[in-house]
Amino acid sequence: MLTILLTALFALLIVLAARVFLHHGITLPPTGSTAIDDRDAQRIDLELRAITGMREHG
């Protein structure tokens, strides 16, 4: 009897957690590129172009 009660409570907890997760729009961080990553990539690209430009003309 106790096992059935604990199983039911655990299932209820899972359902409530999923409901809160979906209702409040809680999401995991994006796995793709972000604006910060893009900005850093652009900065690094500019620095590398400057270095290679100095080597070609220096």
PDB file of N, CA and C in Angstrom:
ATOM      1  N   MET A   1       0.820  -1.197   0.000  1.00  0.00           N
ATOM      2  CA  MET A   1       0.000   0.000   0.000  1.00  0.00           C
ATOM      3  C   MET A   1       0.865   1.262   0.000  1.00  0.00           C
ATOM      4  N   LEU A   2       1.908   1.249   0.811  1.00  0.00           N
ATOM      5  CA  LEU A   2       2.802   2.405   0.878  1.00  0.00           C
ATOM      6  C   LEU A   2       3.516   2.619  -0.456  1.00  0.00           C
ATOM      7  N   THR A   3       3.891   1.525  -1.103  1.00  0.00           N
ATOM      8  CA  THR A   3       4.567   1.622  -2.397  1.00  0.00           C
ATOM      9  C   THR A   3       3.668   2.274  -3.436  1.00  0.00           C
ATOM     10  N   ILE A   4       2.399   1.901  -3.448  1.00  0.00           N
ATOM     11  CA  ILE A   4       1.449   2.479  -4.401  1.00  0.00           C
ATOM     12  C   ILE A   4       1.276   3.968  -4.129  1.00  0.00           C
ATOM     13  N   LEU A   5       1.178   4.343  -2.874  1.00  0.00           N
ATOM     14  CA  LEU A   5       1.022   5.747  -2.507  1.00  0.00           C
ATOM     15  C   LEU A   5       2.245   6.562  -2.914  1.00  0.00           C
ATOM     16  N   LEU A   6       3.430   6.039  -2.638  1.00  0.00           N
ATOM     17  CA  LEU A   6       4.655   6.746  -3.014  1.00  0.00           C
ATOM     18  C   LEU A   6       4.799   6.856  -4.528  1.00  0.00           C
ATOM     19  N   THR A   7       4.421   5.817  -5.246  1.00  0.00           N
ATOM     20  CA  THR A   7       4.473   5.850  -6.702  1.00  0.00           C
ATOM     21  C   THR A   7       3.518   6.900  -7.253  1.00  0.00           C
ATOM     22  N   ALA A   8       2.323   6.972  -6.695  1.00  0.00           N
ATOM     23  CA  ALA A   8       1.344   7.969  -7.133  1.00  0.00           C
ATOM     24  C   ALA A   8       1.830   9.382  -6.832  1.00  0.00           C
ATOM     25  N   LEU A   9       2.407   9.594  -5.667  1.00  0.00           N
ATOM     26  CA  LEU A   9       2.928  10.914  -5.323  1.00  0.00           C
ATOM     27  C   LEU A   9       4.092  11.314  -6.228  1.00  0.00           C
ATOM     28  N   PHE A  10       4.940  10.356  -6.548  1.00  0.00           N
ATOM     29  CA  PHE A  10       6.057  10.630  -7.449  1.00  0.00           C
ATOM     30  C   PHE A  10       5.550  10.998  -8.842  1.00  0.00           C
ATOM     31  N   ALA A  11       4.558  10.269  -9.337  1.00  0.00           N
ATOM     32  CA  ALA A  11       3.974  10.571 -10.644  1.00  0.00           C
ATOM     33  C   ALA A  11       3.335  11.956 -10.633  1.00  0.00           C
ATOM     34  N   LEU A  12       2.652  12.302  -9.550  1.00  0.00           N
ATOM     35  CA  LEU A  12       2.046  13.627  -9.430  1.00  0.00           C
ATOM     36  C   LEU A  12       3.115  14.714  -9.430  1.00  0.00           C
ATOM     37  N   LEU A  13       4.208  14.475  -8.749  1.00  0.00           N
ATOM     38  CA  LEU A  13       5.311  15.427  -8.723  1.00  0.00           C
ATOM     39  C   LEU A  13       5.880  15.651 -10.122  1.00  0.00           C
ATOM     40  N   ILE A  14       6.045  14.585 -10.881  1.00  0.00           N
ATOM     41  CA  ILE A  14       6.559  14.689 -12.246  1.00  0.00           C
ATOM     42  C   ILE A  14       5.596  15.490 -13.116  1.00  0.00           C
ATOM     43  N   VAL A  15       4.315  15.218 -13.009  1.00  0.00           N
ATOM     44  CA  VAL A  15       3.310  15.932 -13.806  1.00  0.00           C
ATOM     45  C   VAL A  15       3.298  17.414 -13.445  1.00  0.00           C
ATOM     46  N   LEU A  16       3.340  17.733 -12.161  1.00  0.00           N
ATOM     47  CA  LEU A  16       3.342  19.134 -11.742  1.00  0.00           C
ATOM     48  C   LEU A  16       4.613  19.854 -12.191  1.00  0.00           C
ATOM     49  N   ALA A  17       5.746  19.188 -12.110  1.00  0.00           N
ATOM     50  CA  ALA A  17       6.998  19.797 -12.562  1.00  0.00           C
ATOM     51  C   ALA A  17       6.947  20.081 -14.058  1.00  0.00           C
ATOM     52  N   ALA A  18       6.416  19.155 -14.837  1.00  0.00           N
ATOM     53  CA  ALA A  18       6.292  19.369 -16.277  1.00  0.00           C
ATOM     54  C   ALA A  18       5.332  20.512 -16.575  1.00  0.00           C
ATOM     55  N   ARG A  19       4.260  20.600 -15.815  1.00  0.00           N
ATOM     56  CA  ARG A  19       3.283  21.671 -16.027  1.00  0.00           C
ATOM     57  C   ARG A  19       3.904  23.041 -15.742  1.00  0.00           C
ATOM     58  N   VAL A  20       4.636  23.149 -14.648  1.00  0.00           N
ATOM     59  CA  VAL A  20       5.304  24.416 -14.322  1.00  0.00           C
ATOM     60  C   VAL A  20       6.348  24.744 -15.382  1.00  0.00           C
ATOM     61  N   PHE A  21       7.101  23.755 -15.793  1.00  0.00           N
ATOM     62  CA  PHE A  21       8.134  23.935 -16.810  1.00  0.00           C
ATOM     63  C   PHE A  21       7.533  24.495 -18.094  1.00  0.00           C
ATOM     64  N   LEU A  22       6.421  23.929 -18.535  1.00  0.00           N
ATOM     65  CA  LEU A  22       5.791  24.365 -19.779  1.00  0.00           C
ATOM     66  C   LEU A  22       5.015  25.667 -19.608  1.00  0.00           C
ATOM     67  N   HIS A  23       4.354  25.848 -18.482  1.00  0.00           N
ATOM     68  CA  HIS A  23       3.519  27.030 -18.267  1.00  0.00           C
ATOM     69  C   HIS A  23       4.352  28.305 -18.180  1.00  0.00           C
ATOM     70  N   HIS A  24       5.480  28.243 -17.520  1.00  0.00           N
ATOM     71  CA  HIS A  24       6.299  29.434 -17.319  1.00  0.00           C
ATOM     72  C   HIS A  24       7.333  29.628 -18.419  1.00  0.00           C
ATOM     73  N   GLY A  25       7.343  28.762 -19.384  1.00  0.00           N
ATOM     74  CA  GLY A  25       8.258  28.918 -20.514  1.00  0.00           C
ATOM     75  C   GLY A  25       9.719  28.777 -20.121  1.00  0.00           C
ATOM     76  N   ILE A  26       9.967  27.984 -19.098  1.00  0.00           N
ATOM     77  CA  ILE A  26      11.349  27.769 -18.678  1.00  0.00           C
ATOM     78  C   ILE A  26      12.008  26.904 -19.747  1.00  0.00           C
ATOM     79  N   THR A  27      13.099  27.399 -20.293  1.00  0.00           N
ATOM     80  CA  THR A  27      13.773  26.642 -21.343  1.00  0.00           C
ATOM     81  C   THR A  27      15.233  26.449 -20.977  1.00  0.00           C
ATOM     82  N   LEU A  28      15.835  25.513 -21.626  1.00  0.00           N
ATOM     83  CA  LEU A  28      17.251  25.278 -21.449  1.00  0.00           C
ATOM     84  C   LEU A  28      18.021  26.273 -22.303  1.00  0.00           C
ATOM     85  N   PRO A  29      19.269  26.557 -21.968  1.00  0.00           N
ATOM     86  CA  PRO A  29      20.048  27.480 -22.784  1.00  0.00           C
ATOM     87  C   PRO A  29      20.177  26.960 -24.214  1.00  0.00           C
ATOM     88  N   PRO A  30      20.220  27.843 -25.180  1.00  0.00           N
ATOM     89  CA  PRO A  30      20.332  27.394 -26.570  1.00  0.00           C
ATOM     90  C   PRO A  30      21.657  26.677 -26.803  1.00  0.00           C
ATOM     91  N   THR A  31      21.605  25.676 -27.650  1.00  0.00           N
ATOM     92  CA  THR A  31      22.821  24.928 -27.947  1.00  0.00           C
ATOM     93  C   THR A  31      23.541  25.502 -29.154  1.00  0.00           C
ATOM     94  N   GLY A  32      22.887  26.380 -29.870  1.00  0.00           N
ATOM     95  CA  GLY A  32      23.499  26.971 -31.053  1.00  0.00           C
ATOM     96  C   GLY A  32      24.269  28.230 -30.721  1.00  0.00           C
ATOM     97  N   SER A  33      24.480  29.026 -31.730  1.00  0.00           N
ATOM     98  CA  SER A  33      25.240  30.257 -31.594  1.00  0.00           C
ATOM     99  C   SER A  33      24.406  31.323 -30.893  1.00  0.00           C
ATOM    100  N   THR A  34      25.049  32.130 -30.081  1.00  0.00           N
ATOM    101  CA  THR A  34      24.381  33.248 -29.431  1.00  0.00           C
ATOM    102  C   THR A  34      24.990  34.544 -29.929  1.00  0.00           C
ATOM    103  N   ALA A  35      24.368  35.658 -29.585  1.00  0.00           N
ATOM    104  CA  ALA A  35      24.868  36.961 -30.016  1.00  0.00           C
ATOM    105  C   ALA A  35      26.276  37.206 -29.471  1.00  0.00           C
ATOM    106  N   ILE A  36      26.525  36.767 -28.242  1.00  0.00           N
ATOM    107  CA  ILE A  36      27.851  36.963 -27.649  1.00  0.00           C
ATOM    108  C   ILE A  36      28.888  36.137 -28.401  1.00  0.00           C
ATOM    109  N   ASP A  37      28.538  34.890 -28.729  1.00  0.00           N
ATOM    110  CA  ASP A  37      29.459  34.050 -29.501  1.00  0.00           C
ATOM    111  C   ASP A  37      29.743  34.672 -30.858  1.00  0.00           C
ATOM    112  N   ASP A  38      28.699  35.194 -31.516  1.00  0.00           N
ATOM    113  CA  ASP A  38      28.873  35.811 -32.827  1.00  0.00           C
ATOM    114  C   ASP A  38      29.774  37.037 -32.736  1.00  0.00           C
ATOM    115  N   ARG A  39      29.557  37.852 -31.688  1.00  0.00           N
ATOM    116  CA  ARG A  39      30.370  39.059 -31.522  1.00  0.00           C
ATOM    117  C   ARG A  39      31.825  38.684 -31.273  1.00  0.00           C
ATOM    118  N   ASP A  40      32.061  37.684 -30.435  1.00  0.00           N
ATOM    119  CA  ASP A  40      33.430  37.246 -30.162  1.00  0.00           C
ATOM    120  C   ASP A  40      34.083  36.690 -31.420  1.00  0.00           C
ATOM    121  N   ALA A  41      33.328  35.947 -32.196  1.00  0.00           N
ATOM    122  CA  ALA A  41      33.867  35.381 -33.436  1.00  0.00           C
ATOM    123  C   ALA A  41      34.233  36.490 -34.415  1.00  0.00           C
ATOM    124  N   GLN A  42      33.413  37.525 -34.503  1.00  0.00           N
ATOM    125  CA  GLN A  42      33.720  38.652 -35.392  1.00  0.00           C
ATOM    126  C   GLN A  42      34.975  39.385 -34.930  1.00  0.00           C
ATOM    127  N   ARG A  43      35.106  39.577 -33.612  1.00  0.00           N
ATOM    128  CA  ARG A  43      36.283  40.265 -33.072  1.00  0.00           C
ATOM    129  C   ARG A  43      37.547  39.466 -33.359  1.00  0.00           C
ATOM    130  N   ILE A  44      37.496  38.164 -33.147  1.00  0.00           N
ATOM    131  CA  ILE A  44      38.657  37.310 -33.408  1.00  0.00           C
ATOM    132  C   ILE A  44      38.992  37.314 -34.892  1.00  0.00           C
ATOM    133  N   ASP A  45      37.969  37.288 -35.741  1.00  0.00           N
ATOM    134  CA  ASP A  45      38.191  37.321 -37.184  1.00  0.00           C
ATOM    135  C   ASP A  45      38.895  38.610 -37.592  1.00  0.00           C
ATOM    136  N   LEU A  46      38.454  39.742 -37.038  1.00  0.00           N
ATOM    137  CA  LEU A  46      39.096  41.023 -37.355  1.00  0.00           C
ATOM    138  C   LEU A  46      40.549  41.045 -36.887  1.00  0.00           C
ATOM    139  N   GLU A  47      40.804  40.509 -35.705  1.00  0.00           N
ATOM    140  CA  GLU A  47      42.176  40.481 -35.195  1.00  0.00           C
ATOM    141  C   GLU A  47      43.068  39.601 -36.065  1.00  0.00           C
ATOM    142  N   LEU A  48      42.553  38.459 -36.483  1.00  0.00           N
ATOM    143  CA  LEU A  48      43.347  37.575 -37.342  1.00  0.00           C
ATOM    144  C   LEU A  48      43.607  38.205 -38.701  1.00  0.00           C
ATOM    145  N   ARG A  49      42.617  38.909 -39.240  1.00  0.00           N
ATOM    146  CA  ARG A  49      42.829  39.603 -40.523  1.00  0.00           C
ATOM    147  C   ARG A  49      43.895  40.687 -40.385  1.00  0.00           C
ATOM    148  N   ALA A  50      43.883  41.400 -39.260  1.00  0.00           N
ATOM    149  CA  ALA A  50      44.892  42.435 -39.034  1.00  0.00           C
ATOM    150  C   ALA A  50      46.282  41.817 -38.937  1.00  0.00           C
ATOM    151  N   ILE A  51      46.393  40.697 -38.237  1.00  0.00           N
ATOM    152  CA  ILE A  51      47.693  40.034 -38.092  1.00  0.00           C
ATOM    153  C   ILE A  51      48.190  39.532 -39.437  1.00  0.00           C
ATOM    154  N   THR A  52      47.325  38.877 -40.198  1.00  0.00           N
ATOM    155  CA  THR A  52      47.763  38.361 -41.505  1.00  0.00           C
ATOM    156  C   THR A  52      48.051  39.510 -42.464  1.00  0.00           C
ATOM    157  N   GLY A  53      47.315  40.617 -42.339  1.00  0.00           N
ATOM    158  CA  GLY A  53      47.587  41.785 -43.181  1.00  0.00           C
ATOM    159  C   GLY A  53      48.955  42.377 -42.884  1.00  0.00           C
ATOM    160  N   MET A  54      49.332  42.438 -41.610  1.00  0.00           N
ATOM    161  CA  MET A  54      50.653  42.963 -41.242  1.00  0.00           C
ATOM    162  C   MET A  54      51.751  42.044 -41.754  1.00  0.00           C
ATOM    163  N   ARG A  55      51.513  40.747 -41.718  1.00  0.00           N
ATOM    164  CA  ARG A  55      52.534  39.804 -42.182  1.00  0.00           C
ATOM    165  C   ARG A  55      52.718  39.899 -43.693  1.00  0.00           C
ATOM    166  N   GLU A  56      51.625  40.103 -44.419  1.00  0.00           N
ATOM    167  CA  GLU A  56      51.718  40.179 -45.876  1.00  0.00           C
ATOM    168  C   GLU A  56      52.396  41.470 -46.325  1.00  0.00           C
ATOM    169  N   HIS A  57      52.144  42.555 -45.620  1.00  0.00           N
ATOM    170  CA  HIS A  57      52.676  43.849 -46.038  1.00  0.00           C
ATOM    171  C   HIS A  57      53.915  44.252 -45.239  1.00  0.00           C
ATOM    172  N   GLY A  58      54.279  43.468 -44.260  1.00  0.00           N
ATOM    173  CA  GLY A  58      55.404  43.840 -43.398  1.00  0.00           C
ATOM    174  C   GLY A  58      56.624  43.140 -43.795  1.00  0.00           C
TER     175      GLY A  58
END
